[in-house]
Protein backbone atom coordinates (compact mmCIF):
# COMPACT_ATOMS: atom_id res chain seq x y z
CA MET A 1 -19.70 1.96 -17.62
CA ALA A 2 -20.29 5.23 -15.85
CA ARG A 3 -22.38 7.72 -17.84
CA HIS A 4 -20.81 10.83 -16.29
CA PRO A 5 -18.06 12.41 -18.44
CA HIS A 6 -16.79 14.62 -15.64
CA PHE A 7 -16.41 12.00 -12.94
CA LEU A 8 -12.62 12.16 -12.59
CA LYS A 9 -12.06 15.59 -11.08
CA PRO A 10 -14.88 15.36 -8.47
CA ALA A 11 -13.78 11.87 -7.40
CA LEU A 12 -10.12 12.86 -6.99
CA LYS A 13 -11.01 16.14 -5.30
CA ARG A 14 -13.37 14.44 -2.86
CA GLY A 15 -10.78 11.82 -2.02
CA ALA A 16 -8.10 14.45 -1.42
CA LEU A 17 -10.37 16.56 0.78
CA ILE A 18 -11.63 13.64 2.86
CA ALA A 19 -8.05 12.45 3.43
CA ALA A 20 -7.00 16.01 4.35
CA ALA A 21 -9.94 16.46 6.72
CA ASN A 22 -8.95 13.25 8.50
CA TRP A 23 -5.23 14.04 8.53
CA GLN A 24 -4.78 12.12 11.77
CA VAL A 25 -5.13 8.77 10.00
CA THR A 26 -2.41 9.80 7.54
CA LEU A 27 -0.01 10.33 10.41
CA ILE A 28 -1.09 7.08 12.09
CA GLN A 29 -0.62 5.11 8.88
CA SER A 30 2.77 6.75 8.28
CA ALA A 31 3.95 5.92 11.79
CA ALA A 32 2.73 2.34 11.51
CA ASP A 33 4.39 1.89 8.11
CA ALA A 34 7.68 3.33 9.41
CA LEU A 35 7.55 1.00 12.42
CA PHE A 36 6.90 -1.98 10.13
CA LYS A 37 9.92 -1.10 7.97
CA LEU A 38 12.11 -0.74 11.06
CA LEU A 39 10.94 -4.16 12.25
CA LEU A 40 11.89 -5.64 8.88
CA ALA A 41 15.39 -4.20 9.28
CA VAL A 42 15.93 -6.20 12.48
CA PRO A 43 16.31 -9.64 10.79
CA ILE A 44 18.60 -8.12 8.15
CA VAL A 45 20.91 -6.71 10.82
CA GLY A 46 20.64 -9.98 12.72
CA GLY A 47 21.58 -11.85 9.55
CA VAL A 48 24.69 -9.68 9.23
CA PHE A 49 25.79 -10.60 12.74
CA LEU A 50 24.97 -14.30 12.16
CA VAL A 51 27.11 -14.29 9.04
CA ALA A 52 29.90 -12.47 10.87
CA LEU A 53 29.84 -14.95 13.75
CA VAL A 54 29.75 -18.04 11.57
CA VAL A 55 32.17 -16.93 8.86
CA GLY A 56 34.50 -15.17 11.27
CA THR A 57 34.45 -11.68 9.77
CA GLU A 58 33.91 -8.37 11.53
CA PRO A 59 30.27 -7.18 11.63
CA THR A 60 31.49 -3.60 11.22
CA GLY A 61 33.09 -4.58 7.92
CA LEU A 62 29.79 -5.86 6.58
CA MET A 63 27.86 -2.91 8.00
CA ALA A 64 30.26 -0.51 6.27
CA LEU A 65 29.19 -1.80 2.85
CA PRO A 66 26.46 -0.01 0.88
CA TRP A 67 23.12 -1.42 1.92
CA ARG A 68 22.54 -3.22 -1.40
CA GLU A 69 25.92 -4.93 -1.20
CA MET A 70 25.37 -5.69 2.46
CA VAL A 71 22.04 -7.39 1.73
CA THR A 72 23.34 -9.40 -1.23
CA THR A 73 26.50 -10.44 0.63
CA THR A 74 24.48 -11.48 3.67
CA ILE A 75 22.00 -13.50 1.61
CA ALA A 76 24.76 -15.23 -0.37
CA SER A 77 26.55 -16.18 2.85
CA LEU A 78 23.35 -17.43 4.43
CA PHE A 79 22.61 -19.71 1.47
CA ALA A 80 26.02 -21.27 2.00
CA ILE A 81 25.09 -22.22 5.59
CA PRO A 82 21.65 -23.95 5.69
CA ALA A 83 21.23 -23.90 9.49
CA VAL A 84 21.89 -20.18 9.71
CA LEU A 85 19.65 -19.60 6.68
CA ALA A 86 16.80 -21.48 8.40
CA ALA A 87 17.19 -19.35 11.54
CA PHE A 88 17.23 -16.17 9.46
CA LEU A 89 14.11 -17.14 7.48
CA LEU A 90 12.26 -18.08 10.68
CA ALA A 91 13.08 -14.71 12.25
CA LEU A 92 12.05 -12.91 9.06
CA ALA A 93 8.77 -14.84 8.88
CA ILE A 94 7.92 -13.99 12.50
CA VAL A 95 8.61 -10.29 11.93
CA VAL A 96 6.64 -10.21 8.66
CA ALA A 97 3.65 -12.02 10.18
CA GLY A 98 3.61 -9.91 13.34
CA GLY A 99 4.20 -6.61 11.56
CA SER A 100 1.61 -7.37 8.89
CA THR A 101 -0.97 -8.28 11.52
CA PHE A 102 -0.34 -4.94 13.20
CA MET A 103 -0.80 -3.16 9.85
CA PHE A 104 -4.10 -4.98 9.28
CA LEU A 105 -5.30 -3.75 12.67
CA VAL A 106 -4.36 -0.14 11.93
CA LYS A 107 -5.84 -0.23 8.42
CA GLY A 108 -9.23 -1.19 9.80
CA GLY A 109 -9.44 2.00 11.85
CA THR A 110 -8.09 4.07 8.96
CA VAL A 111 -10.60 2.90 6.36
CA THR A 112 -13.45 3.10 8.89
CA THR A 113 -12.61 6.76 9.52
CA LEU A 114 -12.48 7.57 5.81
CA VAL A 115 -15.79 5.78 5.19
CA ALA A 116 -17.38 7.85 7.98
CA GLY A 117 -15.91 11.02 6.47
CA ASP A 118 -17.37 10.10 3.09
CA THR A 119 -20.76 9.32 4.62
CA HIS A 120 -21.09 12.53 6.64
CA GLY A 121 -19.04 14.89 4.48
CA GLY A 122 -21.80 15.84 2.06
CA PRO A 123 -20.84 17.29 -1.34
CA VAL A 124 -17.52 18.57 -0.02
CA GLU A 125 -15.96 18.43 -3.50
CA GLN A 126 -18.42 20.98 -4.91
CA PRO A 127 -17.28 24.63 -4.85
CA PRO A 128 -17.12 26.85 -2.97
CA LEU A 129 -15.04 25.10 -0.33
CA HIS A 130 -15.88 26.08 3.24
CA LEU A 131 -14.29 25.07 6.52
CA SER A 132 -17.71 23.87 7.68
CA SER A 133 -17.70 21.28 4.87
CA LEU A 134 -14.28 20.03 5.92
CA ALA A 135 -15.47 19.94 9.53
CA ARG A 136 -18.35 17.63 8.55
CA ALA A 137 -15.94 15.39 6.65
CA SER A 138 -13.58 15.26 9.62
CA GLN A 139 -14.81 12.15 11.43
CA PHE A 140 -11.66 11.00 13.21
CA SER A 141 -11.92 10.08 16.86
CA ALA A 142 -9.99 7.64 18.98
CA GLU A 143 -13.19 5.76 19.75
CA ARG A 144 -14.17 5.35 16.10
CA PHE A 145 -10.64 4.34 15.12
CA ILE A 146 -10.43 1.67 17.84
CA GLU A 147 -13.93 0.39 17.10
CA GLY A 148 -13.19 0.12 13.38
CA SER A 149 -9.89 -1.61 14.03
CA SER A 150 -11.44 -4.24 16.29
CA ARG A 151 -14.50 -4.78 14.09
CA LEU A 152 -12.64 -5.21 10.80
CA PHE A 153 -9.53 -6.88 12.17
CA PRO A 154 -10.65 -10.53 11.65
CA ARG A 155 -11.75 -9.92 8.05
CA TYR A 156 -8.77 -7.71 7.20
CA THR A 157 -6.43 -10.32 8.67
CA ARG A 158 -7.88 -13.10 6.54
CA LEU A 159 -7.73 -10.87 3.48
CA GLY A 160 -4.17 -9.83 4.32
CA PHE A 161 -2.90 -13.36 4.65
CA ILE A 162 -4.52 -14.24 1.33
CA LEU A 163 -2.55 -11.31 -0.11
CA MET A 164 0.66 -12.61 1.46
CA GLY A 165 -0.02 -16.02 -0.06
CA VAL A 166 -0.43 -14.43 -3.48
CA TYR A 167 2.82 -12.53 -2.92
CA PHE A 168 4.63 -15.75 -2.02
CA LEU A 169 3.33 -17.68 -5.03
CA SER A 170 4.03 -14.75 -7.36
CA ALA A 171 7.58 -14.35 -6.05
CA ALA A 172 8.19 -18.10 -6.38
CA ALA A 173 6.97 -18.08 -9.97
CA TYR A 174 9.05 -15.00 -10.77
CA LEU A 175 12.21 -16.48 -9.28
CA SER A 176 11.60 -19.74 -11.12
CA VAL A 177 11.42 -17.90 -14.43
CA ILE A 178 14.57 -15.90 -13.65
CA ILE A 179 16.56 -18.97 -12.59
CA ALA A 180 15.38 -20.94 -15.62
CA SER A 181 16.25 -18.13 -18.03
CA GLN A 182 19.70 -17.72 -16.54
CA ALA A 183 20.33 -21.47 -16.57
CA THR A 184 19.43 -21.75 -20.26
CA GLY A 185 21.49 -18.69 -21.16
CA GLN A 186 18.57 -16.73 -22.66
CA GLY A 187 20.09 -13.39 -21.66
CA TRP A 188 18.48 -10.45 -19.95
CA GLY A 189 15.52 -10.07 -22.30
CA ILE A 190 13.41 -12.71 -20.55
CA THR A 191 14.52 -11.35 -17.18
CA ALA A 192 13.44 -7.80 -18.07
CA LEU A 193 10.10 -9.00 -19.44
CA ALA A 194 9.45 -11.18 -16.39
CA THR A 195 10.33 -8.30 -14.08
CA ALA A 196 7.97 -5.92 -15.88
CA LEU A 197 5.12 -8.44 -15.79
CA PHE A 198 5.81 -9.13 -12.12
CA VAL A 199 5.63 -5.42 -11.25
CA VAL A 200 2.37 -5.00 -13.22
CA TRP A 201 0.87 -8.09 -11.57
CA ILE A 202 1.78 -6.97 -8.03
CA THR A 203 0.37 -3.50 -8.74
CA LEU A 204 -2.90 -5.04 -9.90
CA VAL A 205 -3.02 -7.35 -6.86
CA ASN A 206 -2.46 -4.40 -4.51
CA PHE A 207 -5.27 -2.48 -6.20
CA LEU A 208 -7.72 -5.38 -5.83
CA TYR A 209 -6.64 -5.76 -2.20
CA LEU A 210 -7.34 -2.07 -1.53
CA LEU A 211 -10.69 -2.24 -3.30
CA SER A 212 -11.68 -5.26 -1.19
CA GLN A 213 -10.78 -3.39 1.99
CA ILE A 214 -12.92 -0.43 0.90
CA ILE A 215 -15.98 -2.56 0.11
CA ILE A 216 -15.69 -4.57 3.34
CA ALA A 217 -15.60 -1.36 5.39
CA ALA A 218 -18.24 0.52 3.37
CA ASP A 219 -20.80 -2.31 3.35
CA ASP A 220 -19.65 -4.15 6.50
CA CYS A 221 -19.77 -7.41 4.55
CA SER A 222 -17.80 -10.63 4.37
CA LEU A 223 -14.83 -11.33 2.10
CA ALA A 224 -16.97 -13.40 -0.29
CA ALA A 225 -19.63 -10.68 -0.56
CA ALA A 226 -16.92 -8.05 -1.09
CA ALA A 227 -15.47 -10.13 -3.93
CA ARG A 228 -18.87 -10.39 -5.65
CA ARG A 229 -19.59 -6.69 -5.27
CA GLY A 230 -16.10 -5.79 -6.38
CA VAL A 231 -16.46 -7.80 -9.60
CA ALA A 232 -19.81 -6.15 -10.36
CA PHE A 233 -18.38 -2.71 -9.56
CA LEU A 234 -15.38 -3.18 -11.84
CA ARG A 235 -17.53 -4.54 -14.67
CA SER A 236 -19.84 -1.54 -14.46
CA GLU A 237 -17.34 1.25 -13.75
CA THR A 238 -14.28 0.08 -15.64
CA ARG A 239 -13.52 3.44 -17.26
CA SER A 240 -14.01 5.45 -14.08
CA VAL A 241 -11.90 3.13 -11.93
CA ALA A 242 -9.17 2.88 -14.57
CA ALA A 243 -8.99 6.68 -14.86
CA VAL A 244 -8.65 7.19 -11.10
CA PHE A 245 -6.12 4.36 -10.89
CA GLY A 246 -4.06 5.90 -13.71
CA VAL A 247 -3.97 9.36 -12.15
CA VAL A 248 -3.02 7.98 -8.73
CA LEU A 249 -0.30 5.83 -10.32
CA VAL A 250 1.15 8.86 -12.13
CA LEU A 251 1.15 10.86 -8.89
CA VAL A 252 2.93 8.04 -7.06
CA LEU A 253 5.54 7.79 -9.83
CA CYS A 254 6.08 11.56 -9.73
CA ALA A 255 6.45 11.47 -5.95
CA THR A 256 8.90 8.58 -6.28
CA GLY A 257 10.96 10.53 -8.82
CA ALA A 258 11.00 13.60 -6.58
CA SER A 259 12.09 11.42 -3.66
CA LEU A 260 14.97 9.98 -5.68
CA LEU A 261 16.09 13.46 -6.76
CA ALA A 262 15.96 14.67 -3.16
CA THR A 263 18.03 11.68 -2.04
CA ALA A 264 20.62 12.38 -4.74
CA ALA A 265 20.77 16.06 -3.76
CA LEU A 266 21.31 15.17 -0.11
CA GLY A 267 24.09 12.82 -1.18
CA LEU A 268 25.86 15.73 -2.86
CA ILE A 269 25.57 17.85 0.29
CA ALA A 270 27.44 15.18 2.23
CA PHE A 271 30.65 16.13 0.43
CA VAL A 272 30.38 19.81 1.36
CA PRO A 273 32.40 20.74 4.50
CA PHE A 274 30.28 21.61 7.53
CA LEU A 275 27.05 21.22 5.53
CA GLY A 276 27.67 17.48 5.56
CA LEU A 277 26.81 17.48 9.26
CA ALA A 278 23.21 18.35 8.37
CA VAL A 279 22.76 15.38 6.01
CA VAL A 280 21.54 12.89 8.62
CA PRO A 281 18.73 15.07 10.06
CA LEU A 282 17.78 16.17 6.55
CA GLN A 283 17.65 12.56 5.37
CA LEU A 284 15.50 11.65 8.37
CA ALA A 285 13.14 14.56 7.68
CA ALA A 286 12.95 13.62 3.99
CA TRP A 287 12.23 10.00 4.91
CA LEU A 288 9.40 11.04 7.23
CA LEU A 289 7.97 13.50 4.68
CA ARG A 290 8.14 10.87 1.97
CA GLY A 291 6.19 8.44 4.15
CA VAL A 292 3.49 11.01 4.88
CA VAL A 293 3.13 12.01 1.21
CA PHE A 294 2.82 8.43 0.00
CA GLN A 295 0.32 7.56 2.71
CA TYR A 296 -1.74 10.65 1.87
CA LEU A 297 -1.85 9.70 -1.81
CA GLY A 298 -2.98 6.20 -0.88
CA LEU A 299 -5.71 7.45 1.45
CA ALA A 300 -6.86 10.06 -1.08
CA SER A 301 -7.31 7.22 -3.57
CA VAL A 302 -9.48 5.43 -1.00
CA GLY A 303 -11.79 8.46 -0.90
CA ALA A 304 -11.91 8.62 -4.71
CA TYR A 305 -12.79 4.94 -5.06
CA LEU A 306 -15.38 5.35 -2.33
CA LYS A 307 -17.14 8.07 -4.31
CA LEU A 308 -17.26 5.86 -7.39
CA TYR A 309 -18.49 2.88 -5.38
CA ARG A 310 -21.17 4.90 -3.59
CA GLY A 311 -22.42 6.18 -6.94
CA PHE A 312 -22.47 2.65 -8.33
CA THR A 313 -24.46 1.20 -5.42
CA ALA A 314 -26.87 4.16 -5.47
CA ARG A 315 -27.62 3.70 -9.18
CA LEU A 316 -27.97 -0.06 -8.73
CA ALA A 317 -30.35 0.40 -5.80
CA SER A 318 -32.54 2.76 -7.82
CA SER A 319 -32.65 0.36 -10.77
CA PRO A 320 -31.83 -3.23 -9.71
CA ALA A 321 -32.75 -4.60 -13.16
CA ARG A 322 -30.22 -2.54 -15.14
CA ALA A 323 -29.38 -4.25 -18.44
CA ASP A 324 -25.62 -3.79 -18.14
CA GLY A 325 -24.69 -7.47 -17.90
CA LEU A 326 -24.28 -7.26 -14.14
CA ILE A 327 -25.22 -10.02 -11.78
CA GLU A 328 -28.98 -10.09 -11.33
CA THR A 329 -28.98 -9.51 -7.61
CA LEU A 330 -26.24 -7.68 -5.80
CA PRO A 331 -26.57 -7.57 -1.98
CA LEU A 332 -26.69 -3.92 -1.01
CA PRO A 333 -26.28 -2.30 2.39
CA SER A 334 -29.52 -1.54 4.09
């Protein structure tokens, strides 16, 4: 466990400043994430037209439904027609695989830039804050981003497809529990519990995935070495990591709540004469702002975890034989 009682504020502040100094990667990540979501919408829209063509209904009628009803209606119709369902799933798998691979490529450049900002930024979190400190932490360049993307792409791709495999197995297990509970008539209690456990599990998996990405980029190591170092890091810095994770999670939940309130407010404006014309551009602006805010929070957490990990490796390098129950030898960057 970390011996520093005031670790939380410096770690969060450093992460926020490093992410702000390299604001370009926030915009790049936001654009890539928006593009990925738009790509995912293509098979859904295609599924609507497939259902309309096969069933004989009007596509405009399905498109006029609220998006939740449109998705559920489309999926129910596809399950009734196996050939169309197979074509839909194949298209969805191609889009998910291609879009995810693109995201892995972009993430390599993003994390490389943040690692460089952490390395060269100095004690940017210590007051007073000067523009010169932010300038040192600003390490974004097209060359560094491209180099990091190409260098980390093979490892990030392997790690990403492992994550997708975990997602698939987790979703299959979750659906199996839901179907079994509904078939035995156990009510919604089991469903609610399974859903809560599924959300907690996926959140934990995403955290471990992010931590692996950070260690791979910081130490330029393999997936296996990153796993070993990650286990040692979590065993040693459990309290510090849990505190940063909790604060980031609360911030994400607050941002999600604010986003939902903004969406509801824009929905009310739609009923006001003349002002309703401004709803579409306002919704687009809110969607873009939401993407930027969430990406910034995620990248700020990368900087915070980096500070904790750098401190851990520095203490371990100065005293390799620490009696904390860690592995006896932890490969450290030269």
